[in-house]
Amino acid sequence: ERDHVPALYGMAVAYMVLKQTPRARNQLKRINKMAWNSIDAEDFEKSWLLLADIYIQSGKYDLATDLLRRCLQYNKSCWKASEYLGFIMEKEQSYKDAALHYENAWKFGNSRNPAIGYKLGFNYLKAKRYVDAIDVCHKVLGTHPNYPKIRREILEKARNSVRA
C-alpha cells in the first residue's frame, strides 16, 4: 500500500535521523494531504507534530500553526501541540496568547515538565500576571528544587512587581 500512514511516518523519522530534512518533509506532506482516520490517529498526530517542528525550525510559523491547530482539533489534550503554539506566540511577542497555550500544555502534561512551567511563568510575567507566575514557580520548585534560573529570573521579578 503506497499511502500507509505508519510506514510514511517511519520513513520520515528515518530521514530525520539521517539529517535529510527535505525528504522527511516530503513524506510528511504526503501524510498531511490524506484524510484523517481513527485507526491511524496517533501516527497522523505524530506526523503533524514533526512537520510543524520542521516548519518552526525554518521560520514558517503560519504553516506550523495550521498543523498544530489541526492536531488539537482531533486531540484537544495534545500538550506538545499546545507547547509549540505557545512557542510560536512567544516568538511573535504575543505573551497573553503564549501563556494561554503554555497553560494548556502545563495542564495536559500533568504539571510535571519544568521547562514548560518555566515558559509558562515567563509568559505570565511578560503578560503582567505576577501572582500566576509566582504560583507556577512554586509548583516547579516544589518538584524540581534546583531548576536553574526560575527563582532569580521569574520568581523574584514577579514578587518585586507585586510589591511595587
N, C-alpha and C. Protein backbone atom coordinates (compact mmCIF):
# COMPACT_ATOMS: atom_id res chain seq x y z
N GLU A 1 0.85 -1.19 0.00
CA GLU A 1 0.00 0.00 0.00
C GLU A 1 0.88 1.24 0.00
N ARG A 2 0.67 2.13 -0.95
CA ARG A 2 1.52 3.31 -1.11
C ARG A 2 1.29 4.37 -0.03
N ASP A 3 0.07 4.48 0.44
CA ASP A 3 -0.27 5.54 1.39
C ASP A 3 -0.58 4.99 2.78
N HIS A 4 0.32 4.21 3.31
CA HIS A 4 0.17 3.67 4.66
C HIS A 4 0.82 4.64 5.64
N VAL A 5 0.01 5.28 6.45
CA VAL A 5 0.48 6.37 7.31
C VAL A 5 1.64 5.95 8.23
N PRO A 6 1.53 4.84 8.96
CA PRO A 6 2.66 4.46 9.84
C PRO A 6 3.97 4.25 9.07
N ALA A 7 3.89 3.68 7.87
CA ALA A 7 5.10 3.45 7.09
C ALA A 7 5.71 4.78 6.63
N LEU A 8 4.87 5.70 6.16
CA LEU A 8 5.36 7.00 5.72
C LEU A 8 5.96 7.77 6.89
N TYR A 9 5.31 7.68 8.05
CA TYR A 9 5.84 8.36 9.23
C TYR A 9 7.20 7.76 9.62
N GLY A 10 7.30 6.44 9.57
CA GLY A 10 8.56 5.76 9.87
C GLY A 10 9.67 6.18 8.92
N MET A 11 9.33 6.33 7.64
CA MET A 11 10.32 6.80 6.66
C MET A 11 10.76 8.23 6.98
N ALA A 12 9.80 9.06 7.36
CA ALA A 12 10.12 10.46 7.68
C ALA A 12 11.06 10.53 8.88
N VAL A 13 10.80 9.72 9.88
CA VAL A 13 11.67 9.69 11.07
C VAL A 13 13.06 9.21 10.69
N ALA A 14 13.12 8.20 9.83
CA ALA A 14 14.42 7.69 9.38
C ALA A 14 15.19 8.78 8.62
N TYR A 15 14.49 9.51 7.77
CA TYR A 15 15.15 10.62 7.05
C TYR A 15 15.63 11.70 8.02
N MET A 16 14.87 11.94 9.06
CA MET A 16 15.31 12.95 10.05
C MET A 16 16.58 12.48 10.77
N VAL A 17 16.63 11.19 11.10
CA VAL A 17 17.82 10.64 11.74
C VAL A 17 19.03 10.77 10.81
N LEU A 18 18.79 10.59 9.52
CA LEU A 18 19.86 10.72 8.53
C LEU A 18 20.14 12.17 8.14
N LYS A 19 19.45 13.10 8.82
CA LYS A 19 19.60 14.54 8.57
C LYS A 19 19.23 14.92 7.13
N GLN A 20 18.24 14.23 6.59
CA GLN A 20 17.72 14.53 5.26
C GLN A 20 16.32 15.15 5.42
N THR A 21 16.29 16.34 5.98
CA THR A 21 15.04 17.00 6.32
C THR A 21 14.12 17.22 5.11
N PRO A 22 14.63 17.63 3.94
CA PRO A 22 13.70 17.81 2.80
C PRO A 22 12.95 16.53 2.42
N ARG A 23 13.63 15.40 2.45
CA ARG A 23 12.96 14.14 2.14
C ARG A 23 11.92 13.80 3.21
N ALA A 24 12.28 14.04 4.46
CA ALA A 24 11.33 13.79 5.55
C ALA A 24 10.11 14.68 5.38
N ARG A 25 10.35 15.94 5.07
CA ARG A 25 9.25 16.90 4.88
C ARG A 25 8.33 16.44 3.76
N ASN A 26 8.89 15.91 2.68
CA ASN A 26 8.06 15.43 1.57
C ASN A 26 7.17 14.26 1.99
N GLN A 27 7.69 13.34 2.78
CA GLN A 27 6.88 12.22 3.27
C GLN A 27 5.76 12.73 4.18
N LEU A 28 6.11 13.68 5.03
CA LEU A 28 5.12 14.23 5.97
C LEU A 28 4.05 15.04 5.24
N LYS A 29 4.43 15.71 4.16
CA LYS A 29 3.43 16.44 3.36
C LYS A 29 2.44 15.47 2.72
N ARG A 30 2.94 14.31 2.31
CA ARG A 30 2.05 13.28 1.75
C ARG A 30 1.01 12.87 2.79
N ILE A 31 1.47 12.68 4.03
CA ILE A 31 0.54 12.31 5.10
C ILE A 31 -0.44 13.44 5.36
N ASN A 32 0.04 14.67 5.30
CA ASN A 32 -0.79 15.83 5.58
C ASN A 32 -1.95 15.95 4.59
N LYS A 33 -1.75 15.49 3.36
CA LYS A 33 -2.79 15.57 2.33
C LYS A 33 -3.85 14.48 2.48
N MET A 34 -3.57 13.47 3.29
CA MET A 34 -4.50 12.34 3.44
C MET A 34 -5.65 12.70 4.38
N ALA A 35 -6.73 11.97 4.21
CA ALA A 35 -7.89 12.15 5.09
C ALA A 35 -7.61 11.45 6.42
N TRP A 36 -7.97 12.10 7.51
CA TRP A 36 -7.74 11.56 8.85
C TRP A 36 -8.65 10.36 9.08
N ASN A 37 -8.13 9.34 9.78
CA ASN A 37 -8.97 8.22 10.22
C ASN A 37 -8.54 7.80 11.61
N SER A 38 -9.46 7.24 12.36
CA SER A 38 -9.20 6.92 13.76
C SER A 38 -8.19 5.78 13.93
N ILE A 39 -8.06 4.93 12.94
CA ILE A 39 -7.12 3.81 13.04
C ILE A 39 -5.68 4.31 13.11
N ASP A 40 -5.36 5.29 12.28
CA ASP A 40 -4.00 5.83 12.23
C ASP A 40 -3.87 7.17 12.97
N ALA A 41 -4.79 7.45 13.88
CA ALA A 41 -4.85 8.76 14.54
C ALA A 41 -3.52 9.14 15.20
N GLU A 42 -2.91 8.21 15.89
CA GLU A 42 -1.66 8.51 16.59
C GLU A 42 -0.53 8.87 15.62
N ASP A 43 -0.48 8.15 14.51
CA ASP A 43 0.56 8.43 13.51
C ASP A 43 0.30 9.75 12.78
N PHE A 44 -0.98 10.07 12.54
CA PHE A 44 -1.29 11.37 11.98
C PHE A 44 -0.81 12.48 12.91
N GLU A 45 -1.11 12.33 14.20
CA GLU A 45 -0.71 13.33 15.19
C GLU A 45 0.81 13.48 15.23
N LYS A 46 1.53 12.39 15.29
CA LYS A 46 2.99 12.44 15.31
C LYS A 46 3.54 13.09 14.04
N SER A 47 2.92 12.78 12.91
CA SER A 47 3.36 13.35 11.63
C SER A 47 3.16 14.85 11.60
N TRP A 48 1.99 15.29 12.04
CA TRP A 48 1.71 16.73 12.05
C TRP A 48 2.66 17.46 12.99
N LEU A 49 2.95 16.85 14.14
CA LEU A 49 3.87 17.48 15.09
C LEU A 49 5.28 17.57 14.51
N LEU A 50 5.72 16.51 13.86
CA LEU A 50 7.06 16.52 13.26
C LEU A 50 7.15 17.53 12.13
N LEU A 51 6.14 17.60 11.28
CA LEU A 51 6.13 18.57 10.20
C LEU A 51 6.07 19.99 10.75
N ALA A 52 5.27 20.19 11.79
CA ALA A 52 5.21 21.51 12.44
C ALA A 52 6.57 21.89 13.00
N ASP A 53 7.27 20.93 13.59
CA ASP A 53 8.61 21.19 14.13
C ASP A 53 9.57 21.62 13.01
N ILE A 54 9.49 20.95 11.87
CA ILE A 54 10.32 21.31 10.72
C ILE A 54 10.00 22.73 10.27
N TYR A 55 8.71 23.05 10.18
CA TYR A 55 8.31 24.39 9.77
C TYR A 55 8.76 25.46 10.77
N ILE A 56 8.67 25.15 12.06
CA ILE A 56 9.10 26.10 13.09
C ILE A 56 10.59 26.37 12.97
N GLN A 57 11.37 25.31 12.74
CA GLN A 57 12.82 25.48 12.59
C GLN A 57 13.18 26.34 11.39
N SER A 58 12.34 26.32 10.36
CA SER A 58 12.62 27.13 9.18
C SER A 58 11.86 28.46 9.20
N GLY A 59 11.22 28.78 10.32
CA GLY A 59 10.57 30.08 10.48
C GLY A 59 9.23 30.22 9.79
N LYS A 60 8.63 29.12 9.38
CA LYS A 60 7.32 29.16 8.71
C LYS A 60 6.22 28.94 9.75
N TYR A 61 6.01 29.96 10.58
CA TYR A 61 5.10 29.83 11.72
C TYR A 61 3.64 29.67 11.30
N ASP A 62 3.25 30.28 10.19
CA ASP A 62 1.85 30.18 9.75
C ASP A 62 1.50 28.74 9.35
N LEU A 63 2.40 28.08 8.63
CA LEU A 63 2.16 26.68 8.24
C LEU A 63 2.16 25.77 9.47
N ALA A 64 3.08 26.04 10.39
CA ALA A 64 3.15 25.24 11.61
C ALA A 64 1.89 25.42 12.44
N THR A 65 1.41 26.65 12.53
CA THR A 65 0.20 26.94 13.32
C THR A 65 -1.00 26.17 12.77
N ASP A 66 -1.14 26.13 11.45
CA ASP A 66 -2.25 25.38 10.85
C ASP A 66 -2.18 23.90 11.22
N LEU A 67 -0.99 23.32 11.16
CA LEU A 67 -0.82 21.90 11.51
C LEU A 67 -1.12 21.66 12.99
N LEU A 68 -0.67 22.56 13.84
CA LEU A 68 -0.87 22.38 15.28
C LEU A 68 -2.34 22.52 15.65
N ARG A 69 -3.03 23.44 15.01
CA ARG A 69 -4.47 23.59 15.25
C ARG A 69 -5.23 22.35 14.77
N ARG A 70 -4.77 21.79 13.67
CA ARG A 70 -5.36 20.55 13.16
C ARG A 70 -5.14 19.41 14.16
N CYS A 71 -3.96 19.37 14.72
CA CYS A 71 -3.62 18.37 15.72
C CYS A 71 -4.56 18.50 16.93
N LEU A 72 -4.77 19.73 17.38
CA LEU A 72 -5.64 19.96 18.53
C LEU A 72 -7.11 19.73 18.19
N GLN A 73 -7.46 19.85 16.93
CA GLN A 73 -8.83 19.58 16.50
C GLN A 73 -9.20 18.12 16.78
N TYR A 74 -8.25 17.21 16.56
CA TYR A 74 -8.51 15.79 16.75
C TYR A 74 -8.10 15.29 18.13
N ASN A 75 -7.22 16.00 18.80
CA ASN A 75 -6.80 15.61 20.15
C ASN A 75 -6.60 16.88 20.98
N LYS A 76 -7.64 17.29 21.68
CA LYS A 76 -7.61 18.54 22.42
C LYS A 76 -6.57 18.53 23.55
N SER A 77 -6.18 17.35 24.00
CA SER A 77 -5.23 17.26 25.10
C SER A 77 -3.79 17.02 24.65
N CYS A 78 -3.48 17.32 23.41
CA CYS A 78 -2.12 17.14 22.90
C CYS A 78 -1.24 18.26 23.45
N TRP A 79 -0.50 17.97 24.50
CA TRP A 79 0.28 19.02 25.18
C TRP A 79 1.43 19.52 24.32
N LYS A 80 1.95 18.67 23.45
CA LYS A 80 3.07 19.08 22.60
C LYS A 80 2.62 20.14 21.59
N ALA A 81 1.43 19.97 21.03
CA ALA A 81 0.90 20.97 20.09
C ALA A 81 0.68 22.30 20.82
N SER A 82 0.17 22.23 22.04
CA SER A 82 -0.03 23.45 22.82
C SER A 82 1.30 24.12 23.14
N GLU A 83 2.31 23.31 23.44
CA GLU A 83 3.64 23.86 23.72
C GLU A 83 4.20 24.57 22.48
N TYR A 84 4.10 23.93 21.33
CA TYR A 84 4.59 24.55 20.09
C TYR A 84 3.85 25.85 19.79
N LEU A 85 2.51 25.85 19.97
CA LEU A 85 1.74 27.07 19.73
C LEU A 85 2.18 28.18 20.69
N GLY A 86 2.45 27.80 21.94
CA GLY A 86 2.97 28.77 22.91
C GLY A 86 4.29 29.35 22.45
N PHE A 87 5.16 28.49 21.94
CA PHE A 87 6.46 28.94 21.44
C PHE A 87 6.29 29.93 20.29
N ILE A 88 5.38 29.61 19.36
CA ILE A 88 5.14 30.49 18.21
C ILE A 88 4.61 31.84 18.68
N MET A 89 3.64 31.81 19.59
CA MET A 89 3.07 33.07 20.10
C MET A 89 4.13 33.89 20.84
N GLU A 90 5.00 33.20 21.56
CA GLU A 90 6.08 33.89 22.28
C GLU A 90 7.04 34.55 21.30
N LYS A 91 7.36 33.85 20.20
CA LYS A 91 8.24 34.42 19.18
C LYS A 91 7.61 35.66 18.54
N GLU A 92 6.28 35.65 18.43
CA GLU A 92 5.56 36.78 17.86
C GLU A 92 5.24 37.84 18.92
N GLN A 93 5.79 37.66 20.11
CA GLN A 93 5.64 38.58 21.25
C GLN A 93 4.18 38.79 21.66
N SER A 94 3.38 37.76 21.51
CA SER A 94 2.00 37.77 21.97
C SER A 94 1.97 36.95 23.26
N TYR A 95 2.40 37.58 24.35
CA TYR A 95 2.64 36.86 25.60
C TYR A 95 1.36 36.33 26.25
N LYS A 96 0.24 37.03 26.10
CA LYS A 96 -1.02 36.54 26.67
C LYS A 96 -1.45 35.25 25.98
N ASP A 97 -1.35 35.24 24.64
CA ASP A 97 -1.70 34.02 23.90
C ASP A 97 -0.71 32.90 24.19
N ALA A 98 0.56 33.25 24.30
CA ALA A 98 1.58 32.25 24.61
C ALA A 98 1.29 31.64 25.98
N ALA A 99 0.93 32.48 26.95
CA ALA A 99 0.62 31.98 28.29
C ALA A 99 -0.58 31.04 28.25
N LEU A 100 -1.57 31.36 27.44
CA LEU A 100 -2.75 30.50 27.32
C LEU A 100 -2.37 29.12 26.78
N HIS A 101 -1.54 29.09 25.75
CA HIS A 101 -1.13 27.80 25.17
C HIS A 101 -0.21 27.03 26.11
N TYR A 102 0.73 27.73 26.75
CA TYR A 102 1.59 27.05 27.71
C TYR A 102 0.79 26.55 28.91
N GLU A 103 -0.26 27.28 29.26
CA GLU A 103 -1.15 26.85 30.35
C GLU A 103 -1.79 25.50 30.00
N ASN A 104 -2.25 25.37 28.76
CA ASN A 104 -2.83 24.09 28.32
C ASN A 104 -1.77 22.99 28.31
N ALA A 105 -0.58 23.30 27.83
CA ALA A 105 0.50 22.30 27.81
C ALA A 105 0.84 21.87 29.23
N TRP A 106 0.88 22.81 30.15
CA TRP A 106 1.19 22.54 31.55
C TRP A 106 0.10 21.66 32.15
N LYS A 107 -1.16 22.00 31.87
CA LYS A 107 -2.29 21.26 32.42
C LYS A 107 -2.34 19.83 31.86
N PHE A 108 -2.20 19.70 30.53
CA PHE A 108 -2.32 18.38 29.92
C PHE A 108 -1.07 17.53 30.12
N GLY A 109 0.04 18.15 30.48
CA GLY A 109 1.26 17.41 30.82
C GLY A 109 1.33 17.10 32.30
N ASN A 110 0.21 17.24 33.01
CA ASN A 110 0.09 16.96 34.45
C ASN A 110 1.02 17.82 35.30
N SER A 111 1.33 19.01 34.85
CA SER A 111 2.17 19.97 35.60
C SER A 111 3.49 19.36 36.03
N ARG A 112 4.06 18.52 35.21
CA ARG A 112 5.30 17.82 35.57
C ARG A 112 6.54 18.33 34.85
N ASN A 113 6.39 18.91 33.68
CA ASN A 113 7.54 19.31 32.88
C ASN A 113 8.03 20.68 33.34
N PRO A 114 9.21 20.74 33.97
CA PRO A 114 9.69 22.03 34.49
C PRO A 114 10.00 23.05 33.39
N ALA A 115 10.37 22.59 32.21
CA ALA A 115 10.66 23.53 31.11
C ALA A 115 9.39 24.26 30.69
N ILE A 116 8.28 23.54 30.62
CA ILE A 116 7.00 24.18 30.29
C ILE A 116 6.59 25.10 31.42
N GLY A 117 6.80 24.67 32.66
CA GLY A 117 6.49 25.52 33.81
C GLY A 117 7.28 26.82 33.77
N TYR A 118 8.55 26.72 33.40
CA TYR A 118 9.39 27.91 33.29
C TYR A 118 8.85 28.85 32.21
N LYS A 119 8.52 28.29 31.04
CA LYS A 119 8.00 29.11 29.95
C LYS A 119 6.66 29.74 30.32
N LEU A 120 5.82 28.97 31.02
CA LEU A 120 4.53 29.50 31.46
C LEU A 120 4.74 30.65 32.43
N GLY A 121 5.62 30.46 33.40
CA GLY A 121 5.92 31.52 34.36
C GLY A 121 6.48 32.76 33.68
N PHE A 122 7.36 32.55 32.72
CA PHE A 122 7.96 33.67 31.98
C PHE A 122 6.88 34.46 31.23
N ASN A 123 5.98 33.75 30.57
CA ASN A 123 4.93 34.44 29.80
C ASN A 123 3.89 35.08 30.71
N TYR A 124 3.62 34.48 31.87
CA TYR A 124 2.77 35.16 32.86
C TYR A 124 3.43 36.47 33.29
N LEU A 125 4.73 36.42 33.51
CA LEU A 125 5.48 37.61 33.92
C LEU A 125 5.38 38.69 32.84
N LYS A 126 5.59 38.31 31.58
CA LYS A 126 5.52 39.26 30.46
C LYS A 126 4.10 39.80 30.27
N ALA A 127 3.09 38.97 30.60
CA ALA A 127 1.70 39.39 30.45
C ALA A 127 1.19 40.11 31.70
N LYS A 128 2.11 40.38 32.65
CA LYS A 128 1.81 41.08 33.90
C LYS A 128 0.82 40.32 34.79
N ARG A 129 0.88 38.99 34.73
CA ARG A 129 0.08 38.14 35.62
C ARG A 129 1.04 37.60 36.68
N TYR A 130 1.44 38.48 37.57
CA TYR A 130 2.52 38.19 38.52
C TYR A 130 2.17 37.10 39.52
N VAL A 131 0.95 37.12 40.05
CA VAL A 131 0.56 36.12 41.05
C VAL A 131 0.55 34.72 40.42
N ASP A 132 0.05 34.62 39.19
CA ASP A 132 0.07 33.33 38.49
C ASP A 132 1.50 32.86 38.24
N ALA A 133 2.38 33.80 37.90
CA ALA A 133 3.79 33.46 37.69
C ALA A 133 4.41 32.89 38.97
N ILE A 134 4.09 33.53 40.09
CA ILE A 134 4.61 33.06 41.38
C ILE A 134 4.09 31.66 41.69
N ASP A 135 2.80 31.42 41.44
CA ASP A 135 2.21 30.10 41.70
C ASP A 135 2.90 29.01 40.88
N VAL A 136 3.12 29.28 39.61
CA VAL A 136 3.78 28.29 38.74
C VAL A 136 5.21 28.04 39.22
N CYS A 137 5.91 29.10 39.59
CA CYS A 137 7.29 28.94 40.08
C CYS A 137 7.32 28.05 41.32
N HIS A 138 6.36 28.24 42.22
CA HIS A 138 6.31 27.40 43.42
C HIS A 138 6.06 25.94 43.07
N LYS A 139 5.19 25.69 42.08
CA LYS A 139 4.93 24.31 41.67
C LYS A 139 6.18 23.67 41.06
N VAL A 140 6.88 24.44 40.21
CA VAL A 140 8.10 23.90 39.59
C VAL A 140 9.16 23.65 40.65
N LEU A 141 9.35 24.61 41.54
CA LEU A 141 10.37 24.46 42.58
C LEU A 141 10.00 23.38 43.59
N GLY A 142 8.71 23.10 43.72
CA GLY A 142 8.26 22.03 44.62
C GLY A 142 8.70 20.66 44.13
N THR A 143 8.67 20.46 42.83
CA THR A 143 9.06 19.16 42.28
C THR A 143 10.51 19.12 41.81
N HIS A 144 11.05 20.30 41.44
CA HIS A 144 12.43 20.40 40.96
C HIS A 144 13.12 21.56 41.68
N PRO A 145 13.53 21.37 42.93
CA PRO A 145 14.06 22.49 43.73
C PRO A 145 15.31 23.15 43.16
N ASN A 146 16.07 22.45 42.35
CA ASN A 146 17.30 23.03 41.80
C ASN A 146 17.15 23.46 40.35
N TYR A 147 15.90 23.64 39.88
CA TYR A 147 15.70 24.02 38.48
C TYR A 147 16.36 25.38 38.25
N PRO A 148 17.24 25.45 37.24
CA PRO A 148 18.05 26.66 37.06
C PRO A 148 17.24 27.89 36.65
N LYS A 149 17.64 29.02 37.16
CA LYS A 149 17.18 30.35 36.76
C LYS A 149 15.76 30.74 37.15
N ILE A 150 14.88 29.78 37.44
CA ILE A 150 13.47 30.14 37.65
C ILE A 150 13.30 31.02 38.88
N ARG A 151 14.07 30.74 39.92
CA ARG A 151 13.94 31.54 41.15
C ARG A 151 14.37 32.98 40.90
N ARG A 152 15.51 33.17 40.26
CA ARG A 152 16.06 34.51 40.06
C ARG A 152 15.35 35.27 38.94
N GLU A 153 15.12 34.58 37.81
CA GLU A 153 14.60 35.29 36.63
C GLU A 153 13.10 35.50 36.62
N ILE A 154 12.35 34.65 37.31
CA ILE A 154 10.90 34.81 37.28
C ILE A 154 10.33 35.09 38.67
N LEU A 155 10.62 34.21 39.62
CA LEU A 155 10.01 34.33 40.95
C LEU A 155 10.34 35.67 41.61
N GLU A 156 11.61 36.04 41.65
CA GLU A 156 11.99 37.29 42.32
C GLU A 156 11.45 38.51 41.58
N LYS A 157 11.47 38.48 40.25
CA LYS A 157 10.93 39.61 39.47
C LYS A 157 9.43 39.76 39.69
N ALA A 158 8.71 38.62 39.71
CA ALA A 158 7.27 38.66 39.92
C ALA A 158 6.94 39.17 41.32
N ARG A 159 7.70 38.71 42.32
CA ARG A 159 7.48 39.20 43.70
C ARG A 159 7.72 40.70 43.80
N ASN A 160 8.80 41.17 43.18
CA ASN A 160 9.09 42.61 43.21
C ASN A 160 8.01 43.42 42.50
N SER A 161 7.46 42.87 41.43
CA SER A 161 6.40 43.58 40.70
C SER A 161 5.11 43.61 41.50
N VAL A 162 4.83 42.55 42.27
CA VAL A 162 3.63 42.56 43.11
C VAL A 162 3.78 43.59 44.22
N ARG A 163 4.98 43.69 44.77
CA ARG A 163 5.23 44.66 45.86
C ARG A 163 5.15 46.10 45.38
N ALA A 164 5.52 46.33 44.13
CA ALA A 164 5.60 47.72 43.63
C ALA A 164 4.23 48.34 43.38
